Amino acid sequence: MAKAGMGAPMTASEANIDRRERLRKLALETIDLAKDPYFMKNHLGTYECKLCLTLHNNEGNYLAHTQGKRHQMNLQRRQAKEKMDCPIPPAPNKKKIVPAKTVKIGRPGYQVTKQRDSATNQRTLHFSIHYPEINEGVVPKHRIMAAYEQKKEAPDNNYQYLLFAADPYETIAFKIPRSDIDKSEGKFLAQWDSEKQVYSLQLAFKARAGAPQPPPPPR
């Protein structure tokens, strides 16, 4: 028997009705029916759910229906079907940036002078590379390459290679002795003369220990 001052406990049916009523009120406050693609008012003045094919007497009942299990399950099925019917398109292929190829016009002209420093007895080499048709804004470059880096001939550890490069000319290489190069001040010089368009490089090999020294200069 219920206590004085308290109503009888709700039955399961009454609890369900109360829950639906609370959901209906909440939906009325938060949902805009104008944006619901499944809401439709028919010619009889009642409301239809196009997703579940159900009829409803008023907007509140329709909104309560949208919060129920049946409508939510149908929404999930529809979303899953749409994903299958409209798979995510593959990402567009990004265009690869291909560096512009320079048309080579042949090898540049050059002069090589071999000398020996009378003061130190060091062997020296002087290279003059001519680039009369060098591309605008390009400055020639040089590089010393070990024998094992090149693929033109069998490596010989007695030699190394001195390379010169400047577009649009082909890269040229000189085979020089694999001796230590003296890079102290005044011994290793490289210069680009943009007016004459000549790239000059001078190098000296370090004197080997025990090598005969030149006689002292006369007084």
N, C-alpha and C. Protein backbone atom coordinates (compact mmCIF):
# COMPACT_ATOMS: atom_id res chain seq x y z
N MET A 1 0.85 -1.19 0.00
CA MET A 1 0.00 0.00 0.00
C MET A 1 0.89 1.24 0.00
N ALA A 2 0.56 2.23 -0.80
CA ALA A 2 1.39 3.43 -0.93
C ALA A 2 1.28 4.27 0.32
N LYS A 3 2.39 4.98 0.67
CA LYS A 3 2.40 5.84 1.84
C LYS A 3 1.53 7.06 1.59
N ALA A 4 1.01 7.63 2.75
CA ALA A 4 0.16 8.81 2.65
C ALA A 4 0.95 9.97 2.06
N GLY A 5 0.32 10.72 1.19
CA GLY A 5 0.96 11.88 0.58
C GLY A 5 1.77 11.55 -0.66
N MET A 6 1.86 10.28 -1.05
CA MET A 6 2.62 9.89 -2.22
C MET A 6 1.71 9.17 -3.20
N GLY A 7 1.89 9.43 -4.49
CA GLY A 7 1.09 8.77 -5.50
C GLY A 7 1.57 7.35 -5.70
N ALA A 8 0.76 6.58 -6.38
CA ALA A 8 1.12 5.20 -6.67
C ALA A 8 2.28 5.19 -7.67
N PRO A 9 3.22 4.23 -7.59
CA PRO A 9 4.34 4.15 -8.54
C PRO A 9 3.84 3.96 -9.96
N MET A 10 4.61 4.57 -10.96
CA MET A 10 4.20 4.49 -12.35
C MET A 10 4.42 3.09 -12.88
N THR A 11 3.51 2.70 -13.74
CA THR A 11 3.68 1.43 -14.43
C THR A 11 4.72 1.60 -15.54
N ALA A 12 5.15 0.50 -16.14
CA ALA A 12 6.14 0.57 -17.22
C ALA A 12 5.58 1.35 -18.40
N SER A 13 4.28 1.19 -18.68
CA SER A 13 3.66 1.90 -19.78
C SER A 13 3.63 3.40 -19.52
N GLU A 14 3.30 3.75 -18.28
CA GLU A 14 3.26 5.17 -17.93
C GLU A 14 4.66 5.79 -17.96
N ALA A 15 5.66 5.03 -17.53
CA ALA A 15 7.04 5.52 -17.56
C ALA A 15 7.49 5.77 -19.00
N ASN A 16 7.07 4.88 -19.91
CA ASN A 16 7.43 5.03 -21.31
C ASN A 16 6.78 6.27 -21.90
N ILE A 17 5.49 6.49 -21.54
CA ILE A 17 4.78 7.67 -22.03
C ILE A 17 5.44 8.93 -21.50
N ASP A 18 5.84 8.91 -20.23
CA ASP A 18 6.48 10.08 -19.62
C ASP A 18 7.82 10.36 -20.29
N ARG A 19 8.58 9.30 -20.59
CA ARG A 19 9.88 9.48 -21.24
C ARG A 19 9.71 10.09 -22.63
N ARG A 20 8.73 9.59 -23.39
CA ARG A 20 8.49 10.11 -24.72
C ARG A 20 8.04 11.57 -24.68
N GLU A 21 7.28 11.92 -23.66
CA GLU A 21 6.80 13.29 -23.54
C GLU A 21 7.98 14.23 -23.25
N ARG A 22 8.90 13.78 -22.38
CA ARG A 22 10.08 14.61 -22.09
C ARG A 22 10.96 14.76 -23.34
N LEU A 23 11.10 13.68 -24.10
CA LEU A 23 11.88 13.74 -25.33
C LEU A 23 11.23 14.67 -26.35
N ARG A 24 9.88 14.63 -26.40
CA ARG A 24 9.16 15.48 -27.34
C ARG A 24 9.39 16.95 -27.00
N LYS A 25 9.31 17.29 -25.71
CA LYS A 25 9.50 18.68 -25.31
C LYS A 25 10.93 19.14 -25.60
N LEU A 26 11.89 18.24 -25.33
CA LEU A 26 13.29 18.57 -25.60
C LEU A 26 13.52 18.78 -27.09
N ALA A 27 12.93 17.92 -27.91
CA ALA A 27 13.09 18.03 -29.36
C ALA A 27 12.46 19.31 -29.89
N LEU A 28 11.29 19.68 -29.34
CA LEU A 28 10.63 20.91 -29.77
C LEU A 28 11.51 22.13 -29.52
N GLU A 29 12.32 22.07 -28.46
CA GLU A 29 13.16 23.21 -28.09
C GLU A 29 14.46 23.25 -28.90
N THR A 30 14.93 22.10 -29.36
CA THR A 30 16.27 22.05 -29.95
C THR A 30 16.32 21.73 -31.44
N ILE A 31 15.27 21.14 -32.02
CA ILE A 31 15.33 20.69 -33.40
C ILE A 31 14.52 21.60 -34.31
N ASP A 32 15.12 21.96 -35.46
CA ASP A 32 14.44 22.79 -36.46
C ASP A 32 13.89 21.85 -37.54
N LEU A 33 12.59 21.68 -37.57
CA LEU A 33 11.96 20.76 -38.51
C LEU A 33 12.16 21.19 -39.96
N ALA A 34 12.37 22.49 -40.17
CA ALA A 34 12.57 22.96 -41.55
C ALA A 34 13.83 22.37 -42.17
N LYS A 35 14.77 21.92 -41.33
CA LYS A 35 16.02 21.35 -41.82
C LYS A 35 16.02 19.82 -41.78
N ASP A 36 14.92 19.22 -41.40
CA ASP A 36 14.83 17.76 -41.32
C ASP A 36 14.40 17.21 -42.69
N PRO A 37 15.27 16.48 -43.38
CA PRO A 37 14.92 16.00 -44.73
C PRO A 37 13.84 14.92 -44.74
N TYR A 38 13.55 14.34 -43.58
CA TYR A 38 12.57 13.23 -43.54
C TYR A 38 11.20 13.68 -43.03
N PHE A 39 11.06 14.95 -42.68
CA PHE A 39 9.79 15.47 -42.16
C PHE A 39 8.94 15.98 -43.31
N MET A 40 7.65 15.57 -43.34
CA MET A 40 6.76 16.01 -44.41
C MET A 40 5.33 16.10 -43.89
N LYS A 41 4.67 17.19 -44.26
CA LYS A 41 3.25 17.35 -43.93
C LYS A 41 2.44 16.98 -45.16
N ASN A 42 1.51 16.01 -45.03
CA ASN A 42 0.76 15.54 -46.20
C ASN A 42 -0.54 16.34 -46.38
N HIS A 43 -1.29 15.94 -47.42
CA HIS A 43 -2.51 16.68 -47.77
C HIS A 43 -3.63 16.50 -46.75
N LEU A 44 -3.49 15.54 -45.86
CA LEU A 44 -4.51 15.30 -44.84
C LEU A 44 -4.26 16.12 -43.59
N GLY A 45 -3.13 16.82 -43.56
CA GLY A 45 -2.81 17.64 -42.40
C GLY A 45 -2.03 16.90 -41.34
N THR A 46 -1.71 15.65 -41.59
CA THR A 46 -0.89 14.89 -40.64
C THR A 46 0.57 14.93 -41.10
N TYR A 47 1.43 14.36 -40.30
CA TYR A 47 2.86 14.44 -40.57
C TYR A 47 3.43 13.05 -40.82
N GLU A 48 4.38 12.99 -41.73
CA GLU A 48 4.97 11.71 -42.10
C GLU A 48 6.48 11.73 -41.86
N CYS A 49 7.00 10.56 -41.54
CA CYS A 49 8.46 10.36 -41.50
C CYS A 49 8.81 9.58 -42.76
N LYS A 50 9.47 10.23 -43.71
CA LYS A 50 9.80 9.58 -44.98
C LYS A 50 10.85 8.49 -44.81
N LEU A 51 11.56 8.53 -43.72
CA LEU A 51 12.58 7.50 -43.49
C LEU A 51 11.95 6.21 -42.98
N CYS A 52 11.04 6.35 -42.02
CA CYS A 52 10.43 5.16 -41.40
C CYS A 52 9.04 4.84 -41.94
N LEU A 53 8.49 5.74 -42.80
CA LEU A 53 7.15 5.57 -43.38
C LEU A 53 6.08 5.47 -42.29
N THR A 54 6.15 6.40 -41.34
CA THR A 54 5.17 6.42 -40.25
C THR A 54 4.38 7.72 -40.30
N LEU A 55 3.13 7.70 -39.73
CA LEU A 55 2.24 8.87 -39.69
C LEU A 55 2.15 9.40 -38.27
N HIS A 56 2.04 10.73 -38.13
CA HIS A 56 2.01 11.36 -36.81
C HIS A 56 0.99 12.48 -36.82
N ASN A 57 0.24 12.62 -35.69
CA ASN A 57 -0.85 13.59 -35.62
C ASN A 57 -0.36 15.02 -35.51
N ASN A 58 0.79 15.23 -34.90
CA ASN A 58 1.29 16.59 -34.74
C ASN A 58 2.83 16.58 -34.75
N GLU A 59 3.39 17.77 -34.72
CA GLU A 59 4.84 17.88 -34.78
C GLU A 59 5.51 17.27 -33.56
N GLY A 60 4.86 17.43 -32.42
CA GLY A 60 5.43 16.89 -31.19
C GLY A 60 5.57 15.38 -31.27
N ASN A 61 4.54 14.72 -31.79
CA ASN A 61 4.61 13.27 -31.90
C ASN A 61 5.72 12.85 -32.88
N TYR A 62 5.84 13.62 -33.96
CA TYR A 62 6.90 13.30 -34.93
C TYR A 62 8.28 13.45 -34.28
N LEU A 63 8.45 14.52 -33.52
CA LEU A 63 9.74 14.75 -32.87
C LEU A 63 10.05 13.67 -31.84
N ALA A 64 9.03 13.24 -31.13
CA ALA A 64 9.24 12.15 -30.17
C ALA A 64 9.67 10.88 -30.90
N HIS A 65 9.07 10.67 -32.08
CA HIS A 65 9.43 9.51 -32.90
C HIS A 65 10.90 9.56 -33.33
N THR A 66 11.37 10.77 -33.66
CA THR A 66 12.76 10.89 -34.13
C THR A 66 13.77 10.53 -33.05
N GLN A 67 13.34 10.58 -31.78
CA GLN A 67 14.26 10.23 -30.69
C GLN A 67 14.17 8.75 -30.31
N GLY A 68 13.24 8.03 -30.95
CA GLY A 68 13.04 6.62 -30.61
C GLY A 68 14.04 5.70 -31.30
N LYS A 69 14.05 4.45 -30.86
CA LYS A 69 15.00 3.46 -31.35
C LYS A 69 14.83 3.18 -32.83
N ARG A 70 13.58 3.07 -33.29
CA ARG A 70 13.32 2.72 -34.69
C ARG A 70 13.92 3.76 -35.63
N HIS A 71 13.65 5.05 -35.35
CA HIS A 71 14.15 6.11 -36.22
C HIS A 71 15.68 6.18 -36.19
N GLN A 72 16.26 6.04 -35.00
CA GLN A 72 17.71 6.11 -34.88
C GLN A 72 18.40 4.95 -35.61
N MET A 73 17.81 3.75 -35.55
CA MET A 73 18.38 2.61 -36.26
C MET A 73 18.30 2.80 -37.77
N ASN A 74 17.14 3.34 -38.23
CA ASN A 74 17.00 3.61 -39.67
C ASN A 74 17.98 4.68 -40.15
N LEU A 75 18.25 5.66 -39.28
CA LEU A 75 19.24 6.67 -39.63
C LEU A 75 20.63 6.05 -39.81
N GLN A 76 20.99 5.16 -38.91
CA GLN A 76 22.30 4.50 -39.00
C GLN A 76 22.40 3.65 -40.26
N ARG A 77 21.31 2.94 -40.60
CA ARG A 77 21.32 2.12 -41.83
C ARG A 77 21.46 3.02 -43.07
N ARG A 78 20.75 4.16 -43.07
CA ARG A 78 20.81 5.05 -44.22
C ARG A 78 22.23 5.63 -44.38
N GLN A 79 22.85 6.02 -43.27
CA GLN A 79 24.20 6.57 -43.33
C GLN A 79 25.21 5.54 -43.83
N ALA A 80 25.04 4.30 -43.37
CA ALA A 80 25.94 3.23 -43.81
C ALA A 80 25.78 2.97 -45.30
N LYS A 81 24.52 2.99 -45.78
CA LYS A 81 24.25 2.76 -47.20
C LYS A 81 24.84 3.88 -48.06
N GLU A 82 24.70 5.12 -47.58
CA GLU A 82 25.23 6.25 -48.34
C GLU A 82 26.75 6.18 -48.44
N LYS A 83 27.41 5.70 -47.37
CA LYS A 83 28.87 5.56 -47.42
C LYS A 83 29.29 4.52 -48.45
N MET A 84 28.50 3.43 -48.53
CA MET A 84 28.82 2.38 -49.49
C MET A 84 28.56 2.85 -50.92
N ASP A 85 27.47 3.60 -51.10
CA ASP A 85 27.13 4.07 -52.44
C ASP A 85 28.04 5.19 -52.92
N CYS A 86 28.57 5.96 -51.99
CA CYS A 86 29.43 7.09 -52.35
C CYS A 86 30.77 6.96 -51.61
N PRO A 87 31.62 6.06 -52.08
CA PRO A 87 32.92 5.91 -51.42
C PRO A 87 33.74 7.18 -51.54
N ILE A 88 34.67 7.33 -50.61
CA ILE A 88 35.51 8.53 -50.62
C ILE A 88 36.37 8.52 -51.87
N PRO A 89 36.28 9.54 -52.69
CA PRO A 89 37.08 9.55 -53.92
C PRO A 89 38.56 9.62 -53.60
N PRO A 90 39.38 9.00 -54.45
CA PRO A 90 40.82 9.05 -54.20
C PRO A 90 41.34 10.48 -54.29
N ALA A 91 42.35 10.75 -53.51
CA ALA A 91 42.94 12.09 -53.52
C ALA A 91 43.50 12.38 -54.90
N PRO A 92 43.30 13.60 -55.37
CA PRO A 92 43.83 13.93 -56.71
C PRO A 92 45.34 13.81 -56.74
N ASN A 93 45.82 13.33 -57.87
CA ASN A 93 47.26 13.16 -58.01
C ASN A 93 47.93 14.52 -58.03
N LYS A 94 48.93 14.65 -57.17
CA LYS A 94 49.68 15.90 -57.14
C LYS A 94 50.66 15.92 -58.31
N LYS A 95 50.67 17.03 -58.97
CA LYS A 95 51.58 17.16 -60.10
C LYS A 95 53.02 17.17 -59.61
N LYS A 96 53.80 16.31 -60.19
CA LYS A 96 55.21 16.26 -59.83
C LYS A 96 55.94 17.41 -60.52
N ILE A 97 56.74 18.08 -59.72
CA ILE A 97 57.52 19.18 -60.27
C ILE A 97 58.79 18.60 -60.86
N VAL A 98 58.86 18.65 -62.17
CA VAL A 98 60.02 18.11 -62.87
C VAL A 98 60.95 19.26 -63.23
N PRO A 99 62.18 19.20 -62.76
CA PRO A 99 63.08 20.30 -63.10
C PRO A 99 63.30 20.40 -64.59
N ALA A 100 63.34 21.63 -65.07
CA ALA A 100 63.52 21.86 -66.50
C ALA A 100 64.86 21.32 -66.96
N LYS A 101 64.85 20.60 -68.06
CA LYS A 101 66.08 20.04 -68.59
C LYS A 101 66.77 21.08 -69.48
N THR A 102 68.06 21.23 -69.24
CA THR A 102 68.84 22.17 -70.04
C THR A 102 69.42 21.43 -71.24
N VAL A 103 69.24 21.99 -72.41
CA VAL A 103 69.81 21.40 -73.63
C VAL A 103 71.28 21.74 -73.66
N LYS A 104 72.11 20.70 -73.61
CA LYS A 104 73.55 20.91 -73.59
C LYS A 104 74.04 21.29 -74.99
N ILE A 105 75.02 22.19 -75.03
CA ILE A 105 75.51 22.67 -76.33
C ILE A 105 76.94 22.21 -76.61
N GLY A 106 77.43 21.29 -75.80
CA GLY A 106 78.78 20.77 -76.03
C GLY A 106 79.74 21.14 -74.92
N ARG A 107 81.00 20.80 -75.13
CA ARG A 107 82.02 21.06 -74.12
C ARG A 107 82.60 22.47 -74.30
N PRO A 108 82.98 23.08 -73.18
CA PRO A 108 83.61 24.41 -73.29
C PRO A 108 85.07 24.27 -73.70
N GLY A 109 85.63 25.36 -74.22
CA GLY A 109 87.06 25.37 -74.52
C GLY A 109 87.85 25.56 -73.23
N TYR A 110 89.11 25.13 -73.24
CA TYR A 110 89.91 25.24 -72.01
C TYR A 110 91.40 25.23 -72.34
N GLN A 111 92.19 25.73 -71.38
CA GLN A 111 93.65 25.61 -71.40
C GLN A 111 94.11 25.13 -70.04
N VAL A 112 95.12 24.26 -70.05
CA VAL A 112 95.70 23.76 -68.81
C VAL A 112 97.20 24.02 -68.85
N THR A 113 97.70 24.67 -67.81
CA THR A 113 99.12 24.99 -67.73
C THR A 113 99.74 24.29 -66.52
N LYS A 114 100.82 23.52 -66.77
CA LYS A 114 101.54 22.84 -65.69
C LYS A 114 102.80 23.63 -65.38
N GLN A 115 103.03 23.88 -64.07
CA GLN A 115 104.19 24.64 -63.66
C GLN A 115 104.75 24.06 -62.36
N ARG A 116 105.90 24.57 -61.97
CA ARG A 116 106.49 24.21 -60.69
C ARG A 116 106.92 25.50 -60.01
N ASP A 117 106.48 25.65 -58.77
CA ASP A 117 106.79 26.86 -58.00
C ASP A 117 108.28 26.84 -57.67
N SER A 118 108.99 27.85 -58.16
CA SER A 118 110.44 27.88 -57.95
C SER A 118 110.81 28.10 -56.49
N ALA A 119 109.92 28.72 -55.73
CA ALA A 119 110.23 29.01 -54.33
C ALA A 119 110.01 27.80 -53.43
N THR A 120 108.98 27.00 -53.73
CA THR A 120 108.64 25.87 -52.85
C THR A 120 108.81 24.51 -53.53
N ASN A 121 109.10 24.53 -54.82
CA ASN A 121 109.24 23.28 -55.60
C ASN A 121 107.91 22.51 -55.70
N GLN A 122 106.79 23.19 -55.47
CA GLN A 122 105.49 22.55 -55.58
C GLN A 122 105.03 22.51 -57.03
N ARG A 123 104.39 21.39 -57.40
CA ARG A 123 103.77 21.30 -58.73
C ARG A 123 102.46 22.07 -58.70
N THR A 124 102.20 22.84 -59.74
CA THR A 124 100.97 23.61 -59.82
C THR A 124 100.27 23.36 -61.15
N LEU A 125 98.95 23.52 -61.13
CA LEU A 125 98.14 23.41 -62.34
C LEU A 125 97.24 24.64 -62.42
N HIS A 126 97.13 25.19 -63.63
CA HIS A 126 96.26 26.35 -63.83
C HIS A 126 95.28 26.01 -64.96
N PHE A 127 93.97 26.13 -64.64
CA PHE A 127 92.90 25.80 -65.59
C PHE A 127 92.17 27.08 -65.98
N SER A 128 91.96 27.25 -67.28
CA SER A 128 91.12 28.35 -67.79
C SER A 128 90.02 27.72 -68.63
N ILE A 129 88.78 27.88 -68.18
CA ILE A 129 87.64 27.28 -68.87
C ILE A 129 86.81 28.41 -69.48
N HIS A 130 86.52 28.31 -70.78
CA HIS A 130 85.83 29.39 -71.50
C HIS A 130 84.34 29.04 -71.66
N TYR A 131 83.48 29.96 -71.22
CA TYR A 131 82.03 29.78 -71.30
C TYR A 131 81.39 30.98 -72.01
N PRO A 132 81.61 31.15 -73.29
CA PRO A 132 81.08 32.34 -73.99
C PRO A 132 79.56 32.37 -74.09
N GLU A 133 78.90 31.23 -73.98
CA GLU A 133 77.44 31.21 -74.12
C GLU A 133 76.78 30.69 -72.84
N ILE A 134 77.38 30.98 -71.71
CA ILE A 134 76.83 30.54 -70.43
C ILE A 134 75.47 31.18 -70.19
N ASN A 135 74.57 30.45 -69.53
CA ASN A 135 73.23 30.97 -69.23
C ASN A 135 73.33 32.18 -68.30
N GLU A 136 72.41 33.10 -68.48
CA GLU A 136 72.40 34.32 -67.67
C GLU A 136 72.20 33.97 -66.20
N GLY A 137 73.01 34.57 -65.36
CA GLY A 137 72.89 34.36 -63.92
C GLY A 137 73.61 33.13 -63.40
N VAL A 138 74.19 32.32 -64.29
CA VAL A 138 74.88 31.10 -63.87
C VAL A 138 76.35 31.41 -63.60
N VAL A 139 76.86 30.87 -62.49
CA VAL A 139 78.28 30.97 -62.15
C VAL A 139 78.86 29.57 -62.20
N PRO A 140 79.95 29.35 -62.94
CA PRO A 140 80.54 28.01 -63.03
C PRO A 140 80.94 27.47 -61.65
N LYS A 141 80.93 26.16 -61.55
CA LYS A 141 81.31 25.51 -60.29
C LYS A 141 82.36 24.44 -60.58
N HIS A 142 83.15 24.12 -59.57
CA HIS A 142 84.12 23.04 -59.70
C HIS A 142 83.95 22.07 -58.53
N ARG A 143 84.48 20.88 -58.71
CA ARG A 143 84.39 19.86 -57.66
C ARG A 143 85.52 18.87 -57.86
N ILE A 144 86.10 18.41 -56.75
CA ILE A 144 87.12 17.37 -56.81
C ILE A 144 86.46 16.04 -56.44
N MET A 145 86.61 15.05 -57.30
CA MET A 145 85.93 13.76 -57.15
C MET A 145 86.95 12.64 -56.98
N ALA A 146 86.67 11.75 -56.03
CA ALA A 146 87.54 10.59 -55.84
C ALA A 146 87.36 9.62 -57.00
N ALA A 147 88.36 8.78 -57.21
CA ALA A 147 88.34 7.86 -58.35
C ALA A 147 87.16 6.90 -58.29
N TYR A 148 86.78 6.45 -57.07
CA TYR A 148 85.70 5.47 -56.96
C TYR A 148 84.32 6.07 -57.22
N GLU A 149 84.19 7.40 -57.23
CA GLU A 149 82.90 8.04 -57.46
C GLU A 149 82.49 8.03 -58.93
N GLN A 150 83.48 8.06 -59.82
CA GLN A 150 83.15 8.11 -61.25
C GLN A 150 82.90 6.71 -61.80
N LYS A 151 82.13 6.64 -62.88
CA LYS A 151 81.73 5.36 -63.47
C LYS A 151 82.21 5.21 -64.90
N LYS A 152 83.09 6.10 -65.36
CA LYS A 152 83.53 6.08 -66.75
C LYS A 152 84.63 5.06 -67.00
N GLU A 153 85.48 4.84 -66.00
CA GLU A 153 86.58 3.91 -66.16
C GLU A 153 86.88 3.24 -64.83
N ALA A 154 87.71 2.21 -64.89
CA ALA A 154 88.03 1.48 -63.66
C ALA A 154 88.74 2.42 -62.68
N PRO A 155 88.34 2.40 -61.41
CA PRO A 155 88.96 3.31 -60.43
C PRO A 155 90.45 3.03 -60.29
N ASP A 156 91.23 4.09 -60.24
CA ASP A 156 92.67 4.01 -60.02
C ASP A 156 92.99 4.96 -58.88
N ASN A 157 93.39 4.40 -57.74
CA ASN A 157 93.62 5.21 -56.55
C ASN A 157 94.80 6.17 -56.67
N ASN A 158 95.52 6.09 -57.76
CA ASN A 158 96.63 7.02 -57.97
C ASN A 158 96.14 8.37 -58.52
N TYR A 159 94.85 8.43 -58.86
CA TYR A 159 94.34 9.65 -59.49
C TYR A 159 93.03 10.09 -58.82
N GLN A 160 92.70 11.33 -59.05
CA GLN A 160 91.41 11.91 -58.68
C GLN A 160 90.96 12.79 -59.85
N TYR A 161 89.75 13.34 -59.75
CA TYR A 161 89.19 14.07 -60.90
C TYR A 161 88.75 15.46 -60.46
N LEU A 162 89.06 16.43 -61.32
CA LEU A 162 88.62 17.81 -61.11
C LEU A 162 87.55 18.12 -62.15
N LEU A 163 86.33 18.44 -61.68
CA LEU A 163 85.19 18.67 -62.57
C LEU A 163 84.84 20.15 -62.63
N PHE A 164 84.40 20.58 -63.83
CA PHE A 164 83.89 21.93 -64.03
C PHE A 164 82.51 21.83 -64.66
N ALA A 165 81.56 22.63 -64.16
CA ALA A 165 80.19 22.57 -64.67
C ALA A 165 79.58 23.96 -64.76
N ALA A 166 78.83 24.19 -65.84
CA ALA A 166 78.07 25.44 -66.02
C ALA A 166 77.11 25.24 -67.18
N ASP A 167 75.81 25.47 -66.94
CA ASP A 167 74.81 25.34 -68.01
C ASP A 167 74.97 26.47 -69.02
N PRO A 168 74.78 26.19 -70.31
CA PRO A 168 74.27 24.95 -70.91
C PRO A 168 75.37 24.02 -71.42
N TYR A 169 76.57 24.13 -70.89
CA TYR A 169 77.68 23.31 -71.36
C TYR A 169 77.70 21.96 -70.65
N GLU A 170 78.30 20.99 -71.29
CA GLU A 170 78.51 19.69 -70.66
C GLU A 170 79.57 19.83 -69.57
N THR A 171 79.44 18.98 -68.55
CA THR A 171 80.45 18.96 -67.48
C THR A 171 81.73 18.30 -68.02
N ILE A 172 82.86 18.91 -67.72
CA ILE A 172 84.13 18.33 -68.16
C ILE A 172 84.95 17.95 -66.92
N ALA A 173 85.83 16.95 -67.08
CA ALA A 173 86.62 16.46 -65.96
C ALA A 173 88.07 16.29 -66.39
N PHE A 174 88.97 16.56 -65.45
CA PHE A 174 90.41 16.39 -65.67
C PHE A 174 90.95 15.38 -64.66
N LYS A 175 91.73 14.44 -65.13
CA LYS A 175 92.34 13.42 -64.29
C LYS A 175 93.66 13.97 -63.76
N ILE A 176 93.74 14.13 -62.45
CA ILE A 176 94.94 14.72 -61.85
C ILE A 176 95.50 13.77 -60.80
N PRO A 177 96.78 13.89 -60.44
CA PRO A 177 97.37 12.99 -59.45
C PRO A 177 96.64 13.06 -58.11
N ARG A 178 96.58 11.93 -57.43
CA ARG A 178 95.93 11.88 -56.12
C ARG A 178 96.94 12.26 -55.03
N SER A 179 97.37 13.48 -55.12
CA SER A 179 98.27 14.05 -54.11
C SER A 179 97.50 15.06 -53.30
N ASP A 180 97.96 15.31 -52.08
CA ASP A 180 97.29 16.30 -51.25
C ASP A 180 97.38 17.68 -51.89
N ILE A 181 96.26 18.37 -51.91
CA ILE A 181 96.21 19.71 -52.51
C ILE A 181 96.41 20.74 -51.41
N ASP A 182 97.30 21.68 -51.68
CA ASP A 182 97.61 22.73 -50.72
C ASP A 182 96.53 23.82 -50.83
N LYS A 183 95.71 23.96 -49.77
CA LYS A 183 94.63 24.94 -49.79
C LYS A 183 94.93 26.13 -48.87
N SER A 184 96.20 26.32 -48.59
CA SER A 184 96.59 27.48 -47.78
C SER A 184 96.43 28.75 -48.62
N GLU A 185 96.52 29.89 -47.96
CA GLU A 185 96.26 31.17 -48.62
C GLU A 185 97.21 31.39 -49.81
N GLY A 186 96.63 31.73 -50.94
CA GLY A 186 97.40 32.01 -52.13
C GLY A 186 97.77 30.79 -52.95
N LYS A 187 97.42 29.59 -52.46
CA LYS A 187 97.79 28.37 -53.18
C LYS A 187 96.62 27.79 -53.98
N PHE A 188 95.41 27.99 -53.49
CA PHE A 188 94.23 27.46 -54.18
C PHE A 188 93.32 28.64 -54.51
N LEU A 189 93.24 28.96 -55.79
CA LEU A 189 92.49 30.15 -56.21
C LEU A 189 91.48 29.79 -57.30
N ALA A 190 90.26 30.32 -57.18
CA ALA A 190 89.22 30.14 -58.20
C ALA A 190 88.56 31.49 -58.44
N GLN A 191 88.36 31.83 -59.71
CA GLN A 191 87.79 33.14 -60.05
C GLN A 191 86.96 33.05 -61.32
N TRP A 192 85.79 33.74 -61.30
CA TRP A 192 84.93 33.83 -62.48
C TRP A 192 84.97 35.24 -63.03
N ASP A 193 85.48 35.39 -64.24
CA ASP A 193 85.50 36.69 -64.92
C ASP A 193 84.26 36.77 -65.81
N SER A 194 83.23 37.48 -65.33
CA SER A 194 81.95 37.53 -66.05
C SER A 194 82.05 38.33 -67.36
N GLU A 195 83.03 39.23 -67.45
CA GLU A 195 83.17 40.00 -68.69
C GLU A 195 83.82 39.16 -69.79
N LYS A 196 84.92 38.51 -69.46
CA LYS A 196 85.59 37.65 -70.44
C LYS A 196 84.95 36.26 -70.50
N GLN A 197 84.11 35.97 -69.50
CA GLN A 197 83.41 34.68 -69.40
C GLN A 197 84.42 33.52 -69.38
N VAL A 198 85.37 33.67 -68.47
CA VAL A 198 86.40 32.66 -68.27
C VAL A 198 86.45 32.32 -66.79
N TYR A 199 86.42 31.02 -66.50
CA TYR A 199 86.53 30.55 -65.12
C TYR A 199 87.95 30.01 -64.94
N SER A 200 88.67 30.59 -63.97
CA SER A 200 90.05 30.21 -63.74
C SER A 200 90.19 29.53 -62.39
N LEU A 201 91.04 28.49 -62.37
CA LEU A 201 91.32 27.79 -61.11
C LEU A 201 92.80 27.41 -61.09
N GLN A 202 93.42 27.73 -59.98
CA GLN A 202 94.83 27.38 -59.80
C GLN A 202 94.97 26.56 -58.53
N LEU A 203 95.69 25.46 -58.62
CA LEU A 203 95.92 24.63 -57.43
C LEU A 203 97.38 24.22 -57.39
N ALA A 204 97.83 23.92 -56.17
CA ALA A 204 99.20 23.46 -55.96
C ALA A 204 99.15 22.20 -55.10
N PHE A 205 100.00 21.24 -55.45
CA PHE A 205 100.10 20.01 -54.66
C PHE A 205 101.12 20.22 -53.54
N LYS A 206 100.82 19.67 -52.39
CA LYS A 206 101.75 19.79 -51.27
C LYS A 206 103.05 19.08 -51.61
N ALA A 207 104.15 19.69 -51.21
CA ALA A 207 105.46 19.08 -51.46
C ALA A 207 105.60 17.83 -50.61
N ARG A 208 106.10 16.77 -51.21
CA ARG A 208 106.27 15.51 -50.49
C ARG A 208 107.48 15.59 -49.57
N ALA A 209 107.33 14.92 -48.43
CA ALA A 209 108.43 14.92 -47.46
C ALA A 209 109.66 14.26 -48.09
N GLY A 210 110.82 14.85 -47.93
CA GLY A 210 112.05 14.29 -48.48
C GLY A 210 112.33 14.72 -49.90
N ALA A 211 111.39 15.48 -50.51
CA ALA A 211 111.62 15.94 -51.88
C ALA A 211 112.72 16.97 -51.89
N PRO A 212 113.59 16.99 -52.91
CA PRO A 212 114.69 17.95 -52.95
C PRO A 212 114.19 19.38 -53.00
N GLN A 213 114.79 20.27 -52.20
CA GLN A 213 114.39 21.66 -52.16
C GLN A 213 115.17 22.46 -53.19
N PRO A 214 114.54 23.47 -53.75
CA PRO A 214 115.26 24.30 -54.74
C PRO A 214 116.40 25.05 -54.10
N PRO A 215 117.43 25.37 -54.84
CA PRO A 215 118.55 26.11 -54.28
C PRO A 215 118.10 27.51 -53.85
N PRO A 216 118.76 28.06 -52.85
CA PRO A 216 118.38 29.41 -52.42
C PRO A 216 118.63 30.43 -53.51
N PRO A 217 117.81 31.46 -53.58
CA PRO A 217 118.00 32.47 -54.62
C PRO A 217 119.34 33.18 -54.45
N PRO A 218 119.95 33.61 -55.55
CA PRO A 218 121.22 34.32 -55.46
C PRO A 218 121.08 35.66 -54.74
N ARG A 219 122.14 36.04 -54.02
CA ARG A 219 122.12 37.30 -53.29
C ARG A 219 122.47 38.47 -54.21
